[in-house]
Amino acid sequence: YLQMNSLKPEDTAIHYCAAPRDAGYLSHPPRPTHSAHWGQG
């Protein structure tokens, strides 16, 4: 889940969730290059 409050016009975007190639990999912020699985947005 992503709870989004106090939304602003600059938040306008397609939002995607993603899972990394390696299950436990965690980066901050997440990196597209480490994401193997993507939702449709």
ModelCIF file with pLDDT and N, C-alpha, C, O atoms, coordinates in Angstrom:
data_MODEL
#
_entry.id   MODEL 
#
_entity.id                         1 
_entity.type                       polymer 
_entity.pdbx_number_of_molecules   1 
#
_entity_poly.entity_id                      1 
_entity_poly.type                           'polypeptide(L)' 
_entity_poly.nstd_linkage                   no 
_entity_poly.nstd_monomer                   no 
_entity_poly.pdbx_seq_one_letter_code       YLQMNSLKPEDTAIHYCAAPRDAGYLSHPPRPTHSAHWGQG 
_entity_poly.pdbx_seq_one_letter_code_can   YLQMNSLKPEDTAIHYCAAPRDAGYLSHPPRPTHSAHWGQG 
_entity_poly.pdbx_strand_id                 A 
#
loop_
_entity_poly_seq.entity_id 
_entity_poly_seq.num 
_entity_poly_seq.mon_id 
_entity_poly_seq.hetero 
1 1  TYR n 
1 2  LEU n 
1 3  GLN n 
1 4  MET n 
1 5  ASN n 
1 6  SER n 
1 7  LEU n 
1 8  LYS n 
1 9  PRO n 
1 10 GLU n 
1 11 ASP n 
1 12 THR n 
1 13 ALA n 
1 14 ILE n 
1 15 HIS n 
1 16 TYR n 
1 17 CYS n 
1 18 ALA n 
1 19 ALA n 
1 20 PRO n 
1 21 ARG n 
1 22 ASP n 
1 23 ALA n 
1 24 GLY n 
1 25 TYR n 
1 26 LEU n 
1 27 SER n 
1 28 HIS n 
1 29 PRO n 
1 30 PRO n 
1 31 ARG n 
1 32 PRO n 
1 33 THR n 
1 34 HIS n 
1 35 SER n 
1 36 ALA n 
1 37 HIS n 
1 38 TRP n 
1 39 GLY n 
1 40 GLN n 
1 41 GLY n 
#
_struct_asym.id          A 
_struct_asym.entity_id   1 
#
loop_
_ma_qa_metric.id 
_ma_qa_metric.mode 
_ma_qa_metric.name 
_ma_qa_metric.software_group_id 
_ma_qa_metric.type 
1 global pLDDT . pLDDT 
2 local  pLDDT . pLDDT 
#
_ma_qa_metric_global.metric_id      1 
_ma_qa_metric_global.metric_value   94.41 
_ma_qa_metric_global.model_id       1 
_ma_qa_metric_global.ordinal_id     1 
#
loop_
_ma_qa_metric_local.label_asym_id 
_ma_qa_metric_local.label_comp_id 
_ma_qa_metric_local.label_seq_id 
_ma_qa_metric_local.metric_id 
_ma_qa_metric_local.metric_value 
_ma_qa_metric_local.model_id 
_ma_qa_metric_local.ordinal_id 
A TYR 1  2 98.00 1 1  
A LEU 2  2 98.00 1 2  
A GLN 3  2 98.00 1 3  
A MET 4  2 98.00 1 4  
A ASN 5  2 98.00 1 5  
A SER 6  2 98.00 1 6  
A LEU 7  2 97.00 1 7  
A LYS 8  2 96.00 1 8  
A PRO 9  2 95.00 1 9  
A GLU 10 2 94.00 1 10 
A ASP 11 2 97.00 1 11 
A THR 12 2 97.00 1 12 
A ALA 13 2 97.00 1 13 
A ILE 14 2 97.00 1 14 
A HIS 15 2 98.00 1 15 
A TYR 16 2 97.00 1 16 
A CYS 17 2 97.00 1 17 
A ALA 18 2 97.00 1 18 
A ALA 19 2 96.00 1 19 
A PRO 20 2 95.00 1 20 
A ARG 21 2 93.00 1 21 
A ASP 22 2 92.00 1 22 
A ALA 23 2 93.00 1 23 
A GLY 24 2 88.00 1 24 
A TYR 25 2 89.00 1 25 
A LEU 26 2 87.00 1 26 
A SER 27 2 88.00 1 27 
A HIS 28 2 89.00 1 28 
A PRO 29 2 90.00 1 29 
A PRO 30 2 91.00 1 30 
A ARG 31 2 90.00 1 31 
A PRO 32 2 91.00 1 32 
A THR 33 2 92.00 1 33 
A HIS 34 2 91.00 1 34 
A SER 35 2 93.00 1 35 
A ALA 36 2 93.00 1 36 
A HIS 37 2 95.00 1 37 
A TRP 38 2 97.00 1 38 
A GLY 39 2 97.00 1 39 
A GLN 40 2 97.00 1 40 
A GLY 41 2 97.00 1 41 
#
loop_
_atom_site.group_PDB 
_atom_site.id 
_atom_site.type_symbol 
_atom_site.label_atom_id 
_atom_site.label_alt_id 
_atom_site.label_comp_id 
_atom_site.label_asym_id 
_atom_site.label_entity_id 
_atom_site.label_seq_id 
_atom_site.pdbx_PDB_ins_code 
_atom_site.Cartn_x 
_atom_site.Cartn_y 
_atom_site.Cartn_z 
_atom_site.occupancy 
_atom_site.B_iso_or_equiv 
_atom_site.pdbx_formal_charge 
_atom_site.auth_seq_id 
_atom_site.auth_comp_id 
_atom_site.auth_asym_id 
_atom_site.auth_atom_id 
_atom_site.pdbx_PDB_model_num 
ATOM 1   N N  . TYR A 1 1  ? 0.829  -1.197  0.000   1.00 98.00 ? 1  TYR A N  1 
ATOM 2   C CA . TYR A 1 1  ? 0.000  0.000   0.000   1.00 98.00 ? 1  TYR A CA 1 
ATOM 3   C C  . TYR A 1 1  ? 0.866  1.250   0.000   1.00 98.00 ? 1  TYR A C  1 
ATOM 4   O O  . TYR A 1 1  ? 1.979  1.262   0.526   1.00 98.00 ? 1  TYR A O  1 
ATOM 5   N N  . LEU A 1 2  ? 0.334  2.279   -0.593  1.00 98.00 ? 2  LEU A N  1 
ATOM 6   C CA . LEU A 1 2  ? 0.924  3.595   -0.478  1.00 98.00 ? 2  LEU A CA 1 
ATOM 7   C C  . LEU A 1 2  ? -0.191 4.577   -0.154  1.00 98.00 ? 2  LEU A C  1 
ATOM 8   O O  . LEU A 1 2  ? -1.002 4.923   -1.012  1.00 98.00 ? 2  LEU A O  1 
ATOM 9   N N  . GLN A 1 3  ? -0.218 5.016   1.080   1.00 98.00 ? 3  GLN A N  1 
ATOM 10  C CA . GLN A 1 3  ? -1.175 6.027   1.496   1.00 98.00 ? 3  GLN A CA 1 
ATOM 11  C C  . GLN A 1 3  ? -0.600 7.387   1.156   1.00 98.00 ? 3  GLN A C  1 
ATOM 12  O O  . GLN A 1 3  ? 0.498  7.732   1.592   1.00 98.00 ? 3  GLN A O  1 
ATOM 13  N N  . MET A 1 4  ? -1.332 8.146   0.389   1.00 98.00 ? 4  MET A N  1 
ATOM 14  C CA . MET A 1 4  ? -0.868 9.414   -0.138  1.00 98.00 ? 4  MET A CA 1 
ATOM 15  C C  . MET A 1 4  ? -1.785 10.514  0.374   1.00 98.00 ? 4  MET A C  1 
ATOM 16  O O  . MET A 1 4  ? -2.956 10.585  0.002   1.00 98.00 ? 4  MET A O  1 
ATOM 17  N N  . ASN A 1 5  ? -1.248 11.357  1.217   1.00 98.00 ? 5  ASN A N  1 
ATOM 18  C CA . ASN A 1 5  ? -2.004 12.455  1.805   1.00 98.00 ? 5  ASN A CA 1 
ATOM 19  C C  . ASN A 1 5  ? -1.444 13.792  1.345   1.00 98.00 ? 5  ASN A C  1 
ATOM 20  O O  . ASN A 1 5  ? -0.329 13.874  0.830   1.00 98.00 ? 5  ASN A O  1 
ATOM 21  N N  . SER A 1 6  ? -2.229 14.821  1.540   1.00 98.00 ? 6  SER A N  1 
ATOM 22  C CA . SER A 1 6  ? -1.813 16.184  1.204   1.00 98.00 ? 6  SER A CA 1 
ATOM 23  C C  . SER A 1 6  ? -1.264 16.260  -0.207  1.00 98.00 ? 6  SER A C  1 
ATOM 24  O O  . SER A 1 6  ? -0.191 16.817  -0.442  1.00 98.00 ? 6  SER A O  1 
ATOM 25  N N  . LEU A 1 7  ? -1.997 15.704  -1.128  1.00 97.00 ? 7  LEU A N  1 
ATOM 26  C CA . LEU A 1 7  ? -1.509 15.593  -2.494  1.00 97.00 ? 7  LEU A CA 1 
ATOM 27  C C  . LEU A 1 7  ? -1.384 16.951  -3.164  1.00 97.00 ? 7  LEU A C  1 
ATOM 28  O O  . LEU A 1 7  ? -2.157 17.874  -2.909  1.00 97.00 ? 7  LEU A O  1 
ATOM 29  N N  . LYS A 1 8  ? -0.397 17.036  -4.017  1.00 96.00 ? 8  LYS A N  1 
ATOM 30  C CA . LYS A 1 8  ? -0.063 18.253  -4.728  1.00 96.00 ? 8  LYS A CA 1 
ATOM 31  C C  . LYS A 1 8  ? -0.096 17.998  -6.232  1.00 96.00 ? 8  LYS A C  1 
ATOM 32  O O  . LYS A 1 8  ? 0.030  16.852  -6.663  1.00 96.00 ? 8  LYS A O  1 
ATOM 33  N N  . PRO A 1 9  ? -0.263 19.037  -7.026  1.00 95.00 ? 9  PRO A N  1 
ATOM 34  C CA . PRO A 1 9  ? -0.232 18.838  -8.477  1.00 95.00 ? 9  PRO A CA 1 
ATOM 35  C C  . PRO A 1 9  ? 1.043  18.160  -8.963  1.00 95.00 ? 9  PRO A C  1 
ATOM 36  O O  . PRO A 1 9  ? 1.004  17.391  -9.923  1.00 95.00 ? 9  PRO A O  1 
ATOM 37  N N  . GLU A 1 10 ? 2.156  18.431  -8.325  1.00 94.00 ? 10 GLU A N  1 
ATOM 38  C CA . GLU A 1 10 ? 3.404  17.808  -8.741  1.00 94.00 ? 10 GLU A CA 1 
ATOM 39  C C  . GLU A 1 10 ? 3.483  16.319  -8.439  1.00 94.00 ? 10 GLU A C  1 
ATOM 40  O O  . GLU A 1 10 ? 4.426  15.653  -8.865  1.00 94.00 ? 10 GLU A O  1 
ATOM 41  N N  . ASP A 1 11 ? 2.511  15.792  -7.715  1.00 97.00 ? 11 ASP A N  1 
ATOM 42  C CA . ASP A 1 11 ? 2.437  14.354  -7.504  1.00 97.00 ? 11 ASP A CA 1 
ATOM 43  C C  . ASP A 1 11 ? 1.819  13.625  -8.690  1.00 97.00 ? 11 ASP A C  1 
ATOM 44  O O  . ASP A 1 11 ? 1.835  12.395  -8.737  1.00 97.00 ? 11 ASP A O  1 
ATOM 45  N N  . THR A 1 12 ? 1.284  14.356  -9.628  1.00 97.00 ? 12 THR A N  1 
ATOM 46  C CA . THR A 1 12 ? 0.649  13.743  -10.786 1.00 97.00 ? 12 THR A CA 1 
ATOM 47  C C  . THR A 1 12 ? 1.650  12.889  -11.549 1.00 97.00 ? 12 THR A C  1 
ATOM 48  O O  . THR A 1 12 ? 2.688  13.379  -11.995 1.00 97.00 ? 12 THR A O  1 
ATOM 49  N N  . ALA A 1 13 ? 1.333  11.623  -11.693 1.00 97.00 ? 13 ALA A N  1 
ATOM 50  C CA . ALA A 1 13 ? 2.237  10.684  -12.342 1.00 97.00 ? 13 ALA A CA 1 
ATOM 51  C C  . ALA A 1 13 ? 1.557  9.336   -12.447 1.00 97.00 ? 13 ALA A C  1 
ATOM 52  O O  . ALA A 1 13 ? 0.548  9.075   -11.791 1.00 97.00 ? 13 ALA A O  1 
ATOM 53  N N  . ILE A 1 14 ? 2.121  8.493   -13.274 1.00 97.00 ? 14 ILE A N  1 
ATOM 54  C CA . ILE A 1 14 ? 1.780  7.084   -13.220 1.00 97.00 ? 14 ILE A CA 1 
ATOM 55  C C  . ILE A 1 14 ? 2.612  6.461   -12.116 1.00 97.00 ? 14 ILE A C  1 
ATOM 56  O O  . ILE A 1 14 ? 3.827  6.648   -12.060 1.00 97.00 ? 14 ILE A O  1 
ATOM 57  N N  . HIS A 1 15 ? 1.963  5.735   -11.253 1.00 98.00 ? 15 HIS A N  1 
ATOM 58  C CA . HIS A 1 15 ? 2.640  5.091   -10.140 1.00 98.00 ? 15 HIS A CA 1 
ATOM 59  C C  . HIS A 1 15 ? 2.746  3.592   -10.376 1.00 98.00 ? 15 HIS A C  1 
ATOM 60  O O  . HIS A 1 15 ? 1.777  2.938   -10.760 1.00 98.00 ? 15 HIS A O  1 
ATOM 61  N N  . TYR A 1 16 ? 3.926  3.067   -10.143 1.00 97.00 ? 16 TYR A N  1 
ATOM 62  C CA . TYR A 1 16 ? 4.210  1.661   -10.363 1.00 97.00 ? 16 TYR A CA 1 
ATOM 63  C C  . TYR A 1 16 ? 4.741  1.037   -9.077  1.00 97.00 ? 16 TYR A C  1 
ATOM 64  O O  . TYR A 1 16 ? 5.527  1.649   -8.354  1.00 97.00 ? 16 TYR A O  1 
ATOM 65  N N  . CYS A 1 17 ? 4.309  -0.165  -8.806  1.00 97.00 ? 17 CYS A N  1 
ATOM 66  C CA . CYS A 1 17 ? 4.993  -0.936  -7.781  1.00 97.00 ? 17 CYS A CA 1 
ATOM 67  C C  . CYS A 1 17 ? 5.952  -1.899  -8.458  1.00 97.00 ? 17 CYS A C  1 
ATOM 68  O O  . CYS A 1 17 ? 5.764  -2.276  -9.615  1.00 97.00 ? 17 CYS A O  1 
ATOM 69  N N  . ALA A 1 18 ? 6.968  -2.286  -7.733  1.00 97.00 ? 18 ALA A N  1 
ATOM 70  C CA . ALA A 1 18 ? 7.992  -3.140  -8.303  1.00 97.00 ? 18 ALA A CA 1 
ATOM 71  C C  . ALA A 1 18 ? 8.631  -4.002  -7.233  1.00 97.00 ? 18 ALA A C  1 
ATOM 72  O O  . ALA A 1 18 ? 8.704  -3.631  -6.062  1.00 97.00 ? 18 ALA A O  1 
ATOM 73  N N  . ALA A 1 19 ? 9.089  -5.152  -7.666  1.00 96.00 ? 19 ALA A N  1 
ATOM 74  C CA . ALA A 1 19 ? 9.824  -6.071  -6.810  1.00 96.00 ? 19 ALA A CA 1 
ATOM 75  C C  . ALA A 1 19 ? 11.228 -6.235  -7.352  1.00 96.00 ? 19 ALA A C  1 
ATOM 76  O O  . ALA A 1 19 ? 11.413 -6.255  -8.569  1.00 96.00 ? 19 ALA A O  1 
ATOM 77  N N  . PRO A 1 20 ? 12.215 -6.351  -6.493  1.00 95.00 ? 20 PRO A N  1 
ATOM 78  C CA . PRO A 1 20 ? 13.595 -6.487  -6.958  1.00 95.00 ? 20 PRO A CA 1 
ATOM 79  C C  . PRO A 1 20 ? 13.883 -7.876  -7.490  1.00 95.00 ? 20 PRO A C  1 
ATOM 80  O O  . PRO A 1 20 ? 13.159 -8.833  -7.218  1.00 95.00 ? 20 PRO A O  1 
ATOM 81  N N  . ARG A 1 21 ? 14.945 -7.959  -8.247  1.00 93.00 ? 21 ARG A N  1 
ATOM 82  C CA . ARG A 1 21 ? 15.401 -9.252  -8.737  1.00 93.00 ? 21 ARG A CA 1 
ATOM 83  C C  . ARG A 1 21 ? 15.776 -10.176 -7.586  1.00 93.00 ? 21 ARG A C  1 
ATOM 84  O O  . ARG A 1 21 ? 15.418 -11.354 -7.588  1.00 93.00 ? 21 ARG A O  1 
ATOM 85  N N  . ASP A 1 22 ? 16.488 -9.649  -6.617  1.00 92.00 ? 22 ASP A N  1 
ATOM 86  C CA . ASP A 1 22 ? 16.859 -10.394 -5.428  1.00 92.00 ? 22 ASP A CA 1 
ATOM 87  C C  . ASP A 1 22 ? 15.891 -10.033 -4.319  1.00 92.00 ? 22 ASP A C  1 
ATOM 88  O O  . ASP A 1 22 ? 15.751 -8.863  -3.962  1.00 92.00 ? 22 ASP A O  1 
ATOM 89  N N  . ALA A 1 23 ? 15.230 -11.031 -3.781  1.00 93.00 ? 23 ALA A N  1 
ATOM 90  C CA . ALA A 1 23 ? 14.071 -10.821 -2.926  1.00 93.00 ? 23 ALA A CA 1 
ATOM 91  C C  . ALA A 1 23 ? 14.315 -9.837  -1.794  1.00 93.00 ? 23 ALA A C  1 
ATOM 92  O O  . ALA A 1 23 ? 13.479 -8.976  -1.522  1.00 93.00 ? 23 ALA A O  1 
ATOM 93  N N  . GLY A 1 24 ? 15.454 -9.962  -1.137  1.00 88.00 ? 24 GLY A N  1 
ATOM 94  C CA . GLY A 1 24 ? 15.706 -9.154  0.034   1.00 88.00 ? 24 GLY A CA 1 
ATOM 95  C C  . GLY A 1 24 ? 16.378 -7.822  -0.237  1.00 88.00 ? 24 GLY A C  1 
ATOM 96  O O  . GLY A 1 24 ? 16.646 -7.063  0.694   1.00 88.00 ? 24 GLY A O  1 
ATOM 97  N N  . TYR A 1 25 ? 16.652 -7.530  -1.491  1.00 89.00 ? 25 TYR A N  1 
ATOM 98  C CA . TYR A 1 25 ? 17.351 -6.296  -1.815  1.00 89.00 ? 25 TYR A CA 1 
ATOM 99  C C  . TYR A 1 25 ? 16.494 -5.091  -1.488  1.00 89.00 ? 25 TYR A C  1 
ATOM 100 O O  . TYR A 1 25 ? 15.319 -5.030  -1.849  1.00 89.00 ? 25 TYR A O  1 
ATOM 101 N N  . LEU A 1 26 ? 17.092 -4.139  -0.805  1.00 87.00 ? 26 LEU A N  1 
ATOM 102 C CA . LEU A 1 26 ? 16.382 -2.928  -0.406  1.00 87.00 ? 26 LEU A CA 1 
ATOM 103 C C  . LEU A 1 26 ? 17.274 -1.727  -0.632  1.00 87.00 ? 26 LEU A C  1 
ATOM 104 O O  . LEU A 1 26 ? 18.398 -1.672  -0.134  1.00 87.00 ? 26 LEU A O  1 
ATOM 105 N N  . SER A 1 27 ? 16.778 -0.783  -1.372  1.00 88.00 ? 27 SER A N  1 
ATOM 106 C CA . SER A 1 27 ? 17.490 0.457   -1.592  1.00 88.00 ? 27 SER A CA 1 
ATOM 107 C C  . SER A 1 27 ? 16.572 1.628   -1.265  1.00 88.00 ? 27 SER A C  1 
ATOM 108 O O  . SER A 1 27 ? 15.347 1.501   -1.261  1.00 88.00 ? 27 SER A O  1 
ATOM 109 N N  . HIS A 1 28 ? 17.182 2.746   -0.997  1.00 89.00 ? 28 HIS A N  1 
ATOM 110 C CA . HIS A 1 28 ? 16.429 3.937   -0.636  1.00 89.00 ? 28 HIS A CA 1 
ATOM 111 C C  . HIS A 1 28 ? 17.064 5.153   -1.290  1.00 89.00 ? 28 HIS A C  1 
ATOM 112 O O  . HIS A 1 28 ? 18.147 5.580   -0.888  1.00 89.00 ? 28 HIS A O  1 
ATOM 113 N N  . PRO A 1 29 ? 16.407 5.710   -2.288  1.00 90.00 ? 29 PRO A N  1 
ATOM 114 C CA . PRO A 1 29 ? 15.134 5.253   -2.838  1.00 90.00 ? 29 PRO A CA 1 
ATOM 115 C C  . PRO A 1 29 ? 15.287 3.986   -3.675  1.00 90.00 ? 29 PRO A C  1 
ATOM 116 O O  . PRO A 1 29 ? 16.405 3.603   -4.022  1.00 90.00 ? 29 PRO A O  1 
ATOM 117 N N  . PRO A 1 30 ? 14.187 3.343   -3.996  1.00 91.00 ? 30 PRO A N  1 
ATOM 118 C CA . PRO A 1 30 ? 14.291 2.167   -4.859  1.00 91.00 ? 30 PRO A CA 1 
ATOM 119 C C  . PRO A 1 30 ? 14.802 2.563   -6.230  1.00 91.00 ? 30 PRO A C  1 
ATOM 120 O O  . PRO A 1 30 ? 14.590 3.687   -6.685  1.00 91.00 ? 30 PRO A O  1 
ATOM 121 N N  . ARG A 1 31 ? 15.469 1.641   -6.874  1.00 90.00 ? 31 ARG A N  1 
ATOM 122 C CA . ARG A 1 31 ? 16.091 1.894   -8.161  1.00 90.00 ? 31 ARG A CA 1 
ATOM 123 C C  . ARG A 1 31 ? 15.460 1.052   -9.253  1.00 90.00 ? 31 ARG A C  1 
ATOM 124 O O  . ARG A 1 31 ? 15.308 -0.159  -9.096  1.00 90.00 ? 31 ARG A O  1 
ATOM 125 N N  . PRO A 1 32 ? 15.096 1.677   -10.347 1.00 91.00 ? 32 PRO A N  1 
ATOM 126 C CA . PRO A 1 32 ? 14.525 0.893   -11.451 1.00 91.00 ? 32 PRO A CA 1 
ATOM 127 C C  . PRO A 1 32 ? 15.441 -0.215  -11.941 1.00 91.00 ? 32 PRO A C  1 
ATOM 128 O O  . PRO A 1 32 ? 14.969 -1.277  -12.347 1.00 91.00 ? 32 PRO A O  1 
ATOM 129 N N  . THR A 1 33 ? 16.752 0.024   -11.907 1.00 92.00 ? 33 THR A N  1 
ATOM 130 C CA . THR A 1 33 ? 17.685 -0.958  -12.433 1.00 92.00 ? 33 THR A CA 1 
ATOM 131 C C  . THR A 1 33 ? 17.745 -2.223  -11.599 1.00 92.00 ? 33 THR A C  1 
ATOM 132 O O  . THR A 1 33 ? 18.212 -3.257  -12.078 1.00 92.00 ? 33 THR A O  1 
ATOM 133 N N  . HIS A 1 34 ? 17.284 -2.161  -10.368 1.00 91.00 ? 34 HIS A N  1 
ATOM 134 C CA . HIS A 1 34 ? 17.275 -3.331  -9.506  1.00 91.00 ? 34 HIS A CA 1 
ATOM 135 C C  . HIS A 1 34 ? 15.897 -3.982  -9.415  1.00 91.00 ? 34 HIS A C  1 
ATOM 136 O O  . HIS A 1 34 ? 15.705 -4.944  -8.671  1.00 91.00 ? 34 HIS A O  1 
ATOM 137 N N  . SER A 1 35 ? 14.970 -3.466  -10.154 1.00 93.00 ? 35 SER A N  1 
ATOM 138 C CA . SER A 1 35 ? 13.603 -3.961  -10.108 1.00 93.00 ? 35 SER A CA 1 
ATOM 139 C C  . SER A 1 35 ? 13.359 -4.895  -11.283 1.00 93.00 ? 35 SER A C  1 
ATOM 140 O O  . SER A 1 35 ? 13.517 -4.507  -12.440 1.00 93.00 ? 35 SER A O  1 
ATOM 141 N N  . ALA A 1 36 ? 12.980 -6.106  -10.982 1.00 93.00 ? 36 ALA A N  1 
ATOM 142 C CA . ALA A 1 36 ? 12.780 -7.124  -12.004 1.00 93.00 ? 36 ALA A CA 1 
ATOM 143 C C  . ALA A 1 36 ? 11.324 -7.305  -12.396 1.00 93.00 ? 36 ALA A C  1 
ATOM 144 O O  . ALA A 1 36 ? 11.026 -7.776  -13.493 1.00 93.00 ? 36 ALA A O  1 
ATOM 145 N N  . HIS A 1 37 ? 10.424 -6.935  -11.510 1.00 95.00 ? 37 HIS A N  1 
ATOM 146 C CA . HIS A 1 37 ? 9.003  -7.157  -11.735 1.00 95.00 ? 37 HIS A CA 1 
ATOM 147 C C  . HIS A 1 37 ? 8.255  -5.858  -11.510 1.00 95.00 ? 37 HIS A C  1 
ATOM 148 O O  . HIS A 1 37 ? 8.443  -5.172  -10.506 1.00 95.00 ? 37 HIS A O  1 
ATOM 149 N N  . TRP A 1 38 ? 7.405  -5.541  -12.465 1.00 97.00 ? 38 TRP A N  1 
ATOM 150 C CA . TRP A 1 38 ? 6.680  -4.278  -12.451 1.00 97.00 ? 38 TRP A CA 1 
ATOM 151 C C  . TRP A 1 38 ? 5.197  -4.484  -12.629 1.00 97.00 ? 38 TRP A C  1 
ATOM 152 O O  . TRP A 1 38 ? 4.753  -5.375  -13.353 1.00 97.00 ? 38 TRP A O  1 
ATOM 153 N N  . GLY A 1 39 ? 4.449  -3.655  -11.964 1.00 97.00 ? 39 GLY A N  1 
ATOM 154 C CA . GLY A 1 39 ? 3.036  -3.587  -12.245 1.00 97.00 ? 39 GLY A CA 1 
ATOM 155 C C  . GLY A 1 39 ? 2.770  -2.759  -13.484 1.00 97.00 ? 39 GLY A C  1 
ATOM 156 O O  . GLY A 1 39 ? 3.689  -2.203  -14.085 1.00 97.00 ? 39 GLY A O  1 
ATOM 157 N N  . GLN A 1 40 ? 1.519  -2.684  -13.853 1.00 97.00 ? 40 GLN A N  1 
ATOM 158 C CA . GLN A 1 40 ? 1.130  -1.972  -15.068 1.00 97.00 ? 40 GLN A CA 1 
ATOM 159 C C  . GLN A 1 40 ? 1.004  -0.474  -14.850 1.00 97.00 ? 40 GLN A C  1 
ATOM 160 O O  . GLN A 1 40 ? 0.937  0.291   -15.812 1.00 97.00 ? 40 GLN A O  1 
ATOM 161 N N  . GLY A 1 41 ? 0.972  -0.059  -13.620 1.00 97.00 ? 41 GLY A N  1 
ATOM 162 C CA . GLY A 1 41 ? 0.869  1.348   -13.290 1.00 97.00 ? 41 GLY A CA 1 
ATOM 163 C C  . GLY A 1 41 ? -0.555 1.783   -13.041 1.00 97.00 ? 41 GLY A C  1 
ATOM 164 O O  . GLY A 1 41 ? -0.800 2.954   -12.750 1.00 97.00 ? 41 GLY A O  1 
#
